[in-house]
Amino acid sequence: MSIAAVRIDGRLLHGQVANMWTGVIKPSRIMVVDNSTANSDIEKAAIKLARPAGVNLSILNEDRAIDHIINGRYDSQRVFVLVRRPKVLLDMIDGGVQIKEVNVGNMSQADGTKPLTKSINILQSDVDAFNLLHKKGIKMTVQMVPSDPAVDLMQLLKKFASV
């Protein structure tokens, strides 16, 4: 499978991703990998409404996504992978999925999160996952929209840790 791009975005597929990011990435398929969304008819329906015309959509739990990728189900397609949290990507990599680069977008404020940027709020478990991804050689950048400059996530985390 040709993974064209991987993005962490707490909102998964929404207008900004559907319009701006898919216009730049030009995927033939968007793969939303999220256990709770895959098990919720309401959440799946909302995601399907945001799907851009002409782009296929898969909404899968982690195990099924790993299985589909490893078994070559989408080998002939350009796939844009969307997840909510970095831990999902660690699980996918541990399951055999090859990921080289990750774009970090919006991660909403929730109980226990601390702001990293205006739009990225993280838990300690996110920091731990980002550090493990970095150790695995994954390049991670922060970029809300394609026209924004890409910022090295690890540089932001260094500043975050020293605050």
N, C-alpha and C. Protein backbone atom coordinates (compact mmCIF):
# COMPACT_ATOMS: atom_id res chain seq x y z
N MET A 1 0.85 -1.18 0.00
CA MET A 1 0.00 0.00 0.00
C MET A 1 0.88 1.22 0.00
N SER A 2 0.42 2.19 -0.68
CA SER A 2 1.14 3.44 -0.71
C SER A 2 0.50 4.39 0.30
N ILE A 3 1.11 4.50 1.47
CA ILE A 3 0.63 5.47 2.45
C ILE A 3 1.17 6.82 2.00
N ALA A 4 0.27 7.66 1.53
CA ALA A 4 0.66 8.96 1.01
C ALA A 4 0.93 9.95 2.14
N ALA A 5 0.18 9.83 3.24
CA ALA A 5 0.35 10.74 4.37
C ALA A 5 -0.32 10.14 5.60
N VAL A 6 0.19 10.57 6.76
CA VAL A 6 -0.39 10.16 8.05
C VAL A 6 -0.57 11.43 8.87
N ARG A 7 -1.74 11.59 9.44
CA ARG A 7 -2.03 12.78 10.25
C ARG A 7 -2.70 12.39 11.55
N ILE A 8 -2.25 13.03 12.62
CA ILE A 8 -2.92 12.92 13.91
C ILE A 8 -3.83 14.15 14.00
N ASP A 9 -5.11 13.91 14.18
CA ASP A 9 -6.07 15.00 14.29
C ASP A 9 -7.23 14.51 15.13
N GLY A 10 -7.44 15.13 16.27
CA GLY A 10 -8.49 14.71 17.19
C GLY A 10 -9.87 14.73 16.57
N ARG A 11 -10.04 15.49 15.52
CA ARG A 11 -11.34 15.58 14.85
C ARG A 11 -11.46 14.58 13.71
N LEU A 12 -10.37 13.86 13.43
CA LEU A 12 -10.32 12.89 12.35
C LEU A 12 -10.62 13.57 11.02
N LEU A 13 -11.67 13.17 10.33
CA LEU A 13 -12.00 13.75 9.03
C LEU A 13 -13.03 14.86 9.23
N HIS A 14 -12.63 16.06 8.84
CA HIS A 14 -13.50 17.24 8.97
C HIS A 14 -13.18 18.17 7.81
N GLY A 15 -13.81 19.31 7.75
CA GLY A 15 -13.68 20.20 6.60
C GLY A 15 -12.26 20.57 6.21
N GLN A 16 -11.44 20.93 7.20
CA GLN A 16 -10.06 21.32 6.92
C GLN A 16 -9.28 20.18 6.27
N VAL A 17 -9.46 18.99 6.79
CA VAL A 17 -8.77 17.82 6.24
C VAL A 17 -9.36 17.47 4.87
N ALA A 18 -10.68 17.44 4.80
CA ALA A 18 -11.35 17.05 3.55
C ALA A 18 -11.05 18.01 2.41
N ASN A 19 -10.99 19.30 2.70
CA ASN A 19 -10.80 20.28 1.63
C ASN A 19 -9.33 20.62 1.38
N MET A 20 -8.63 20.99 2.42
CA MET A 20 -7.26 21.47 2.23
C MET A 20 -6.25 20.34 2.09
N TRP A 21 -6.23 19.41 3.03
CA TRP A 21 -5.22 18.37 3.01
C TRP A 21 -5.40 17.39 1.85
N THR A 22 -6.63 16.99 1.58
CA THR A 22 -6.80 16.04 0.48
C THR A 22 -6.50 16.71 -0.87
N GLY A 23 -6.68 18.03 -0.94
CA GLY A 23 -6.33 18.73 -2.17
C GLY A 23 -4.83 18.70 -2.44
N VAL A 24 -4.03 18.69 -1.39
CA VAL A 24 -2.58 18.65 -1.52
C VAL A 24 -2.07 17.21 -1.65
N ILE A 25 -2.59 16.32 -0.84
CA ILE A 25 -2.12 14.93 -0.81
C ILE A 25 -2.64 14.12 -1.98
N LYS A 26 -3.84 14.44 -2.41
CA LYS A 26 -4.51 13.74 -3.52
C LYS A 26 -4.62 12.23 -3.29
N PRO A 27 -5.20 11.84 -2.15
CA PRO A 27 -5.36 10.41 -1.89
C PRO A 27 -6.50 9.82 -2.70
N SER A 28 -6.42 8.53 -2.96
CA SER A 28 -7.56 7.84 -3.54
C SER A 28 -8.43 7.25 -2.43
N ARG A 29 -7.84 7.14 -1.22
CA ARG A 29 -8.57 6.60 -0.07
C ARG A 29 -8.13 7.32 1.20
N ILE A 30 -9.10 7.63 2.04
CA ILE A 30 -8.84 8.11 3.39
C ILE A 30 -9.14 6.95 4.32
N MET A 31 -8.18 6.64 5.19
CA MET A 31 -8.36 5.56 6.15
C MET A 31 -8.38 6.17 7.56
N VAL A 32 -9.55 6.17 8.18
CA VAL A 32 -9.70 6.62 9.55
C VAL A 32 -9.48 5.40 10.44
N VAL A 33 -8.49 5.48 11.31
CA VAL A 33 -8.17 4.37 12.20
C VAL A 33 -8.48 4.81 13.62
N ASP A 34 -9.60 4.32 14.14
CA ASP A 34 -10.03 4.72 15.48
C ASP A 34 -11.02 3.68 16.00
N ASN A 35 -10.67 3.05 17.11
CA ASN A 35 -11.51 1.98 17.65
C ASN A 35 -12.92 2.45 18.00
N SER A 36 -13.05 3.59 18.66
CA SER A 36 -14.39 4.02 19.08
C SER A 36 -15.24 4.44 17.88
N THR A 37 -14.66 5.12 16.92
CA THR A 37 -15.41 5.52 15.73
C THR A 37 -15.85 4.31 14.92
N ALA A 38 -14.97 3.33 14.79
CA ALA A 38 -15.30 2.13 14.03
C ALA A 38 -16.47 1.37 14.64
N ASN A 39 -16.69 1.56 15.94
CA ASN A 39 -17.77 0.85 16.64
C ASN A 39 -19.02 1.69 16.87
N SER A 40 -19.05 2.90 16.29
CA SER A 40 -20.18 3.79 16.50
C SER A 40 -20.83 4.18 15.17
N ASP A 41 -22.06 3.75 14.97
CA ASP A 41 -22.76 4.09 13.73
C ASP A 41 -22.93 5.60 13.58
N ILE A 42 -23.14 6.30 14.68
CA ILE A 42 -23.33 7.75 14.63
C ILE A 42 -22.03 8.44 14.21
N GLU A 43 -20.91 8.05 14.83
CA GLU A 43 -19.63 8.65 14.47
C GLU A 43 -19.25 8.32 13.03
N LYS A 44 -19.52 7.09 12.61
CA LYS A 44 -19.21 6.71 11.23
C LYS A 44 -20.04 7.54 10.25
N ALA A 45 -21.31 7.76 10.57
CA ALA A 45 -22.16 8.56 9.68
C ALA A 45 -21.64 9.98 9.55
N ALA A 46 -21.19 10.56 10.66
CA ALA A 46 -20.65 11.93 10.62
C ALA A 46 -19.37 11.99 9.77
N ILE A 47 -18.51 11.01 9.93
CA ILE A 47 -17.27 10.96 9.14
C ILE A 47 -17.59 10.82 7.66
N LYS A 48 -18.57 9.98 7.35
CA LYS A 48 -18.93 9.76 5.94
C LYS A 48 -19.44 11.04 5.29
N LEU A 49 -20.10 11.90 6.06
CA LEU A 49 -20.59 13.18 5.52
C LEU A 49 -19.44 14.10 5.11
N ALA A 50 -18.30 13.97 5.77
CA ALA A 50 -17.16 14.83 5.49
C ALA A 50 -16.28 14.31 4.34
N ARG A 51 -16.55 13.11 3.88
CA ARG A 51 -15.73 12.49 2.83
C ARG A 51 -15.79 13.33 1.55
N PRO A 52 -14.64 13.69 1.03
CA PRO A 52 -14.63 14.44 -0.24
C PRO A 52 -15.10 13.55 -1.40
N ALA A 53 -15.77 14.15 -2.34
CA ALA A 53 -16.24 13.41 -3.52
C ALA A 53 -15.05 12.81 -4.25
N GLY A 54 -15.23 11.59 -4.70
CA GLY A 54 -14.20 10.92 -5.48
C GLY A 54 -13.11 10.25 -4.67
N VAL A 55 -13.20 10.32 -3.36
CA VAL A 55 -12.20 9.69 -2.50
C VAL A 55 -12.88 8.57 -1.72
N ASN A 56 -12.31 7.38 -1.79
CA ASN A 56 -12.84 6.25 -1.02
C ASN A 56 -12.55 6.46 0.46
N LEU A 57 -13.34 5.81 1.30
CA LEU A 57 -13.21 5.99 2.74
C LEU A 57 -13.29 4.64 3.44
N SER A 58 -12.36 4.42 4.36
CA SER A 58 -12.42 3.26 5.25
C SER A 58 -12.39 3.78 6.68
N ILE A 59 -13.27 3.26 7.52
CA ILE A 59 -13.27 3.59 8.94
C ILE A 59 -13.06 2.26 9.66
N LEU A 60 -11.86 2.09 10.21
CA LEU A 60 -11.46 0.79 10.74
C LEU A 60 -10.94 0.88 12.16
N ASN A 61 -11.10 -0.22 12.91
CA ASN A 61 -10.43 -0.28 14.19
C ASN A 61 -8.96 -0.59 13.93
N GLU A 62 -8.13 -0.47 14.95
CA GLU A 62 -6.68 -0.64 14.77
C GLU A 62 -6.31 -2.00 14.19
N ASP A 63 -6.85 -3.07 14.75
CA ASP A 63 -6.49 -4.41 14.29
C ASP A 63 -6.84 -4.62 12.82
N ARG A 64 -8.01 -4.17 12.44
CA ARG A 64 -8.45 -4.36 11.05
C ARG A 64 -7.61 -3.51 10.09
N ALA A 65 -7.27 -2.30 10.52
CA ALA A 65 -6.43 -1.43 9.68
C ALA A 65 -5.06 -2.08 9.46
N ILE A 66 -4.47 -2.58 10.53
CA ILE A 66 -3.17 -3.24 10.41
C ILE A 66 -3.28 -4.43 9.47
N ASP A 67 -4.32 -5.24 9.65
CA ASP A 67 -4.52 -6.41 8.80
C ASP A 67 -4.66 -6.02 7.33
N HIS A 68 -5.48 -5.01 7.06
CA HIS A 68 -5.69 -4.59 5.66
C HIS A 68 -4.40 -4.07 5.03
N ILE A 69 -3.63 -3.31 5.81
CA ILE A 69 -2.39 -2.76 5.28
C ILE A 69 -1.36 -3.86 5.04
N ILE A 70 -1.15 -4.70 6.04
CA ILE A 70 -0.16 -5.77 5.95
C ILE A 70 -0.50 -6.75 4.82
N ASN A 71 -1.77 -7.01 4.62
CA ASN A 71 -2.19 -7.95 3.58
C ASN A 71 -2.39 -7.32 2.21
N GLY A 72 -1.99 -6.07 2.06
CA GLY A 72 -1.97 -5.44 0.75
C GLY A 72 -3.32 -5.07 0.15
N ARG A 73 -4.31 -4.92 0.98
CA ARG A 73 -5.66 -4.66 0.47
C ARG A 73 -5.74 -3.36 -0.36
N TYR A 74 -4.91 -2.38 -0.01
CA TYR A 74 -4.96 -1.10 -0.72
C TYR A 74 -3.64 -0.77 -1.42
N ASP A 75 -2.91 -1.80 -1.81
CA ASP A 75 -1.59 -1.58 -2.42
C ASP A 75 -1.60 -0.68 -3.64
N SER A 76 -2.66 -0.67 -4.39
CA SER A 76 -2.70 0.12 -5.62
C SER A 76 -3.24 1.54 -5.38
N GLN A 77 -3.46 1.91 -4.12
CA GLN A 77 -4.07 3.20 -3.83
C GLN A 77 -3.12 4.12 -3.06
N ARG A 78 -3.42 5.41 -3.13
CA ARG A 78 -2.74 6.42 -2.29
C ARG A 78 -3.61 6.63 -1.06
N VAL A 79 -3.11 6.22 0.08
CA VAL A 79 -3.92 6.24 1.29
C VAL A 79 -3.45 7.33 2.24
N PHE A 80 -4.42 8.07 2.74
CA PHE A 80 -4.21 9.12 3.74
C PHE A 80 -4.76 8.58 5.05
N VAL A 81 -3.88 8.32 6.00
CA VAL A 81 -4.26 7.71 7.28
C VAL A 81 -4.51 8.81 8.31
N LEU A 82 -5.66 8.73 8.99
CA LEU A 82 -6.01 9.68 10.05
C LEU A 82 -6.23 8.94 11.36
N VAL A 83 -5.60 9.44 12.43
CA VAL A 83 -5.78 8.88 13.77
C VAL A 83 -5.95 10.03 14.76
N ARG A 84 -6.47 9.72 15.93
CA ARG A 84 -6.65 10.75 16.97
C ARG A 84 -5.41 10.98 17.83
N ARG A 85 -4.70 9.90 18.17
CA ARG A 85 -3.60 9.97 19.14
C ARG A 85 -2.38 9.24 18.60
N PRO A 86 -1.20 9.63 19.04
CA PRO A 86 0.03 9.00 18.55
C PRO A 86 0.17 7.53 18.95
N LYS A 87 -0.44 7.12 20.03
CA LYS A 87 -0.36 5.71 20.47
C LYS A 87 -0.88 4.77 19.39
N VAL A 88 -1.88 5.18 18.64
CA VAL A 88 -2.43 4.35 17.56
C VAL A 88 -1.34 4.07 16.53
N LEU A 89 -0.54 5.06 16.22
CA LEU A 89 0.53 4.87 15.25
C LEU A 89 1.59 3.92 15.78
N LEU A 90 1.89 4.00 17.07
CA LEU A 90 2.82 3.04 17.67
C LEU A 90 2.29 1.62 17.53
N ASP A 91 1.01 1.45 17.81
CA ASP A 91 0.39 0.12 17.68
C ASP A 91 0.47 -0.37 16.23
N MET A 92 0.23 0.53 15.30
CA MET A 92 0.28 0.15 13.88
C MET A 92 1.70 -0.25 13.48
N ILE A 93 2.68 0.52 13.91
CA ILE A 93 4.08 0.21 13.59
C ILE A 93 4.48 -1.12 14.24
N ASP A 94 4.09 -1.30 15.50
CA ASP A 94 4.39 -2.56 16.18
C ASP A 94 3.71 -3.75 15.49
N GLY A 95 2.60 -3.47 14.80
CA GLY A 95 1.89 -4.51 14.04
C GLY A 95 2.47 -4.75 12.66
N GLY A 96 3.51 -4.00 12.30
CA GLY A 96 4.17 -4.23 11.02
C GLY A 96 3.95 -3.19 9.95
N VAL A 97 3.17 -2.15 10.24
CA VAL A 97 2.91 -1.09 9.27
C VAL A 97 4.12 -0.16 9.21
N GLN A 98 4.54 0.18 8.01
CA GLN A 98 5.67 1.08 7.84
C GLN A 98 5.17 2.51 7.68
N ILE A 99 5.61 3.35 8.60
CA ILE A 99 5.27 4.77 8.59
C ILE A 99 6.58 5.53 8.70
N LYS A 100 6.75 6.53 7.86
CA LYS A 100 8.00 7.29 7.86
C LYS A 100 7.84 8.70 8.41
N GLU A 101 6.65 9.26 8.18
CA GLU A 101 6.45 10.66 8.53
C GLU A 101 5.03 10.86 9.03
N VAL A 102 4.87 11.77 10.00
CA VAL A 102 3.56 12.04 10.60
C VAL A 102 3.38 13.55 10.69
N ASN A 103 2.20 13.99 10.29
CA ASN A 103 1.80 15.38 10.46
C ASN A 103 0.89 15.44 11.69
N VAL A 104 1.20 16.33 12.60
CA VAL A 104 0.37 16.48 13.80
C VAL A 104 -0.48 17.74 13.63
N GLY A 105 -1.79 17.53 13.68
CA GLY A 105 -2.73 18.64 13.56
C GLY A 105 -3.38 18.91 14.90
N ASN A 106 -4.64 19.20 14.87
CA ASN A 106 -5.38 19.56 16.08
C ASN A 106 -5.50 18.38 17.05
N MET A 107 -5.17 18.64 18.30
CA MET A 107 -5.43 17.69 19.39
C MET A 107 -6.13 18.51 20.47
N SER A 108 -7.43 18.31 20.58
CA SER A 108 -8.27 19.16 21.41
C SER A 108 -7.97 19.05 22.89
N GLN A 109 -8.33 20.11 23.59
CA GLN A 109 -8.18 20.15 25.04
C GLN A 109 -9.16 19.17 25.67
N ALA A 110 -8.70 18.46 26.67
CA ALA A 110 -9.55 17.52 27.42
C ALA A 110 -8.98 17.43 28.83
N ASP A 111 -9.66 16.68 29.68
CA ASP A 111 -9.19 16.51 31.04
C ASP A 111 -7.76 15.98 31.06
N GLY A 112 -6.89 16.67 31.76
CA GLY A 112 -5.53 16.21 31.93
C GLY A 112 -4.55 16.66 30.86
N THR A 113 -5.04 17.30 29.78
CA THR A 113 -4.12 17.73 28.73
C THR A 113 -3.45 19.05 29.12
N LYS A 114 -2.29 19.27 28.51
CA LYS A 114 -1.58 20.54 28.67
C LYS A 114 -1.31 21.07 27.27
N PRO A 115 -1.41 22.39 27.10
CA PRO A 115 -1.21 22.96 25.76
C PRO A 115 0.25 22.89 25.31
N LEU A 116 0.45 22.39 24.11
CA LEU A 116 1.75 22.42 23.46
C LEU A 116 1.80 23.61 22.50
N THR A 117 0.70 23.82 21.78
CA THR A 117 0.50 24.99 20.92
C THR A 117 -0.95 25.43 21.12
N LYS A 118 -1.38 26.42 20.36
CA LYS A 118 -2.78 26.86 20.45
C LYS A 118 -3.75 25.73 20.12
N SER A 119 -3.36 24.86 19.23
CA SER A 119 -4.27 23.82 18.75
C SER A 119 -3.91 22.41 19.18
N ILE A 120 -2.80 22.25 19.87
CA ILE A 120 -2.37 20.91 20.27
C ILE A 120 -2.27 20.84 21.78
N ASN A 121 -3.10 19.98 22.35
CA ASN A 121 -3.12 19.74 23.79
C ASN A 121 -2.80 18.27 24.02
N ILE A 122 -1.82 18.02 24.89
CA ILE A 122 -1.32 16.65 25.00
C ILE A 122 -1.32 16.14 26.44
N LEU A 123 -1.42 14.84 26.52
CA LEU A 123 -1.30 14.11 27.78
C LEU A 123 0.15 13.60 27.90
N GLN A 124 0.55 13.19 29.08
CA GLN A 124 1.87 12.59 29.23
C GLN A 124 1.99 11.34 28.36
N SER A 125 0.91 10.60 28.22
CA SER A 125 0.95 9.40 27.37
C SER A 125 1.23 9.77 25.91
N ASP A 126 0.77 10.94 25.46
CA ASP A 126 1.08 11.41 24.11
C ASP A 126 2.56 11.73 23.98
N VAL A 127 3.11 12.42 24.99
CA VAL A 127 4.54 12.75 24.99
C VAL A 127 5.36 11.47 24.92
N ASP A 128 4.98 10.48 25.73
CA ASP A 128 5.69 9.20 25.72
C ASP A 128 5.62 8.54 24.34
N ALA A 129 4.45 8.56 23.72
CA ALA A 129 4.27 7.96 22.40
C ALA A 129 5.08 8.72 21.35
N PHE A 130 5.06 10.05 21.41
CA PHE A 130 5.85 10.84 20.46
C PHE A 130 7.34 10.51 20.60
N ASN A 131 7.81 10.39 21.83
CA ASN A 131 9.22 10.06 22.04
C ASN A 131 9.55 8.68 21.48
N LEU A 132 8.67 7.72 21.64
CA LEU A 132 8.91 6.39 21.08
C LEU A 132 8.88 6.41 19.55
N LEU A 133 7.96 7.16 18.98
CA LEU A 133 7.92 7.30 17.53
C LEU A 133 9.22 7.92 17.02
N HIS A 134 9.69 8.94 17.72
CA HIS A 134 10.95 9.59 17.35
C HIS A 134 12.11 8.59 17.40
N LYS A 135 12.16 7.78 18.44
CA LYS A 135 13.21 6.77 18.58
C LYS A 135 13.15 5.74 17.45
N LYS A 136 11.98 5.54 16.87
CA LYS A 136 11.82 4.61 15.75
C LYS A 136 12.17 5.28 14.41
N GLY A 137 12.59 6.55 14.48
CA GLY A 137 13.00 7.25 13.26
C GLY A 137 11.88 7.92 12.50
N ILE A 138 10.73 8.10 13.13
CA ILE A 138 9.59 8.74 12.47
C ILE A 138 9.76 10.26 12.53
N LYS A 139 9.68 10.90 11.38
CA LYS A 139 9.73 12.36 11.32
C LYS A 139 8.33 12.89 11.65
N MET A 140 8.26 13.83 12.59
CA MET A 140 6.96 14.37 13.00
C MET A 140 6.99 15.89 12.92
N THR A 141 6.02 16.42 12.20
CA THR A 141 5.91 17.87 12.06
C THR A 141 4.52 18.33 12.49
N VAL A 142 4.47 19.56 12.93
CA VAL A 142 3.20 20.20 13.29
C VAL A 142 2.85 21.15 12.15
N GLN A 143 1.64 21.01 11.65
CA GLN A 143 1.18 21.86 10.55
C GLN A 143 -0.34 21.78 10.51
N MET A 144 -1.01 22.85 10.85
CA MET A 144 -2.47 22.82 10.88
C MET A 144 -3.06 22.74 9.48
N VAL A 145 -2.58 23.59 8.59
CA VAL A 145 -3.04 23.60 7.20
C VAL A 145 -1.82 23.56 6.29
N PRO A 146 -1.98 23.11 5.06
CA PRO A 146 -0.82 22.96 4.17
C PRO A 146 -0.03 24.25 3.94
N SER A 147 -0.68 25.41 4.04
CA SER A 147 0.02 26.67 3.79
C SER A 147 0.86 27.12 4.99
N ASP A 148 0.66 26.51 6.16
CA ASP A 148 1.48 26.83 7.34
C ASP A 148 2.86 26.19 7.18
N PRO A 149 3.88 26.83 7.75
CA PRO A 149 5.19 26.16 7.73
C PRO A 149 5.16 24.93 8.64
N ALA A 150 5.86 23.89 8.23
CA ALA A 150 5.96 22.67 9.06
C ALA A 150 6.99 22.93 10.15
N VAL A 151 6.61 22.62 11.39
CA VAL A 151 7.48 22.82 12.55
C VAL A 151 7.81 21.45 13.13
N ASP A 152 9.07 21.25 13.47
CA ASP A 152 9.53 19.98 14.04
C ASP A 152 8.87 19.77 15.41
N LEU A 153 8.08 18.71 15.54
CA LEU A 153 7.39 18.42 16.79
C LEU A 153 8.36 18.22 17.94
N MET A 154 9.47 17.56 17.71
CA MET A 154 10.41 17.28 18.79
C MET A 154 11.01 18.56 19.36
N GLN A 155 11.20 19.58 18.53
CA GLN A 155 11.69 20.87 19.03
C GLN A 155 10.64 21.51 19.95
N LEU A 156 9.38 21.40 19.58
CA LEU A 156 8.31 21.93 20.44
C LEU A 156 8.25 21.15 21.75
N LEU A 157 8.42 19.85 21.69
CA LEU A 157 8.38 19.04 22.91
C LEU A 157 9.54 19.38 23.84
N LYS A 158 10.70 19.71 23.29
CA LYS A 158 11.84 20.11 24.13
C LYS A 158 11.50 21.38 24.91
N LYS A 159 10.91 22.36 24.20
CA LYS A 159 10.49 23.61 24.85
C LYS A 159 9.40 23.32 25.89
N PHE A 160 8.49 22.44 25.54
CA PHE A 160 7.38 22.07 26.41
C PHE A 160 7.91 21.47 27.72
N ALA A 161 8.90 20.61 27.61
CA ALA A 161 9.45 19.91 28.78
C ALA A 161 10.19 20.88 29.69
N SER A 162 10.73 21.97 29.13
CA SER A 162 11.51 22.89 29.95
C SER A 162 10.66 23.98 30.60
N VAL A 163 9.39 24.03 30.26
CA VAL A 163 8.50 25.06 30.83
C VAL A 163 8.05 24.65 32.21
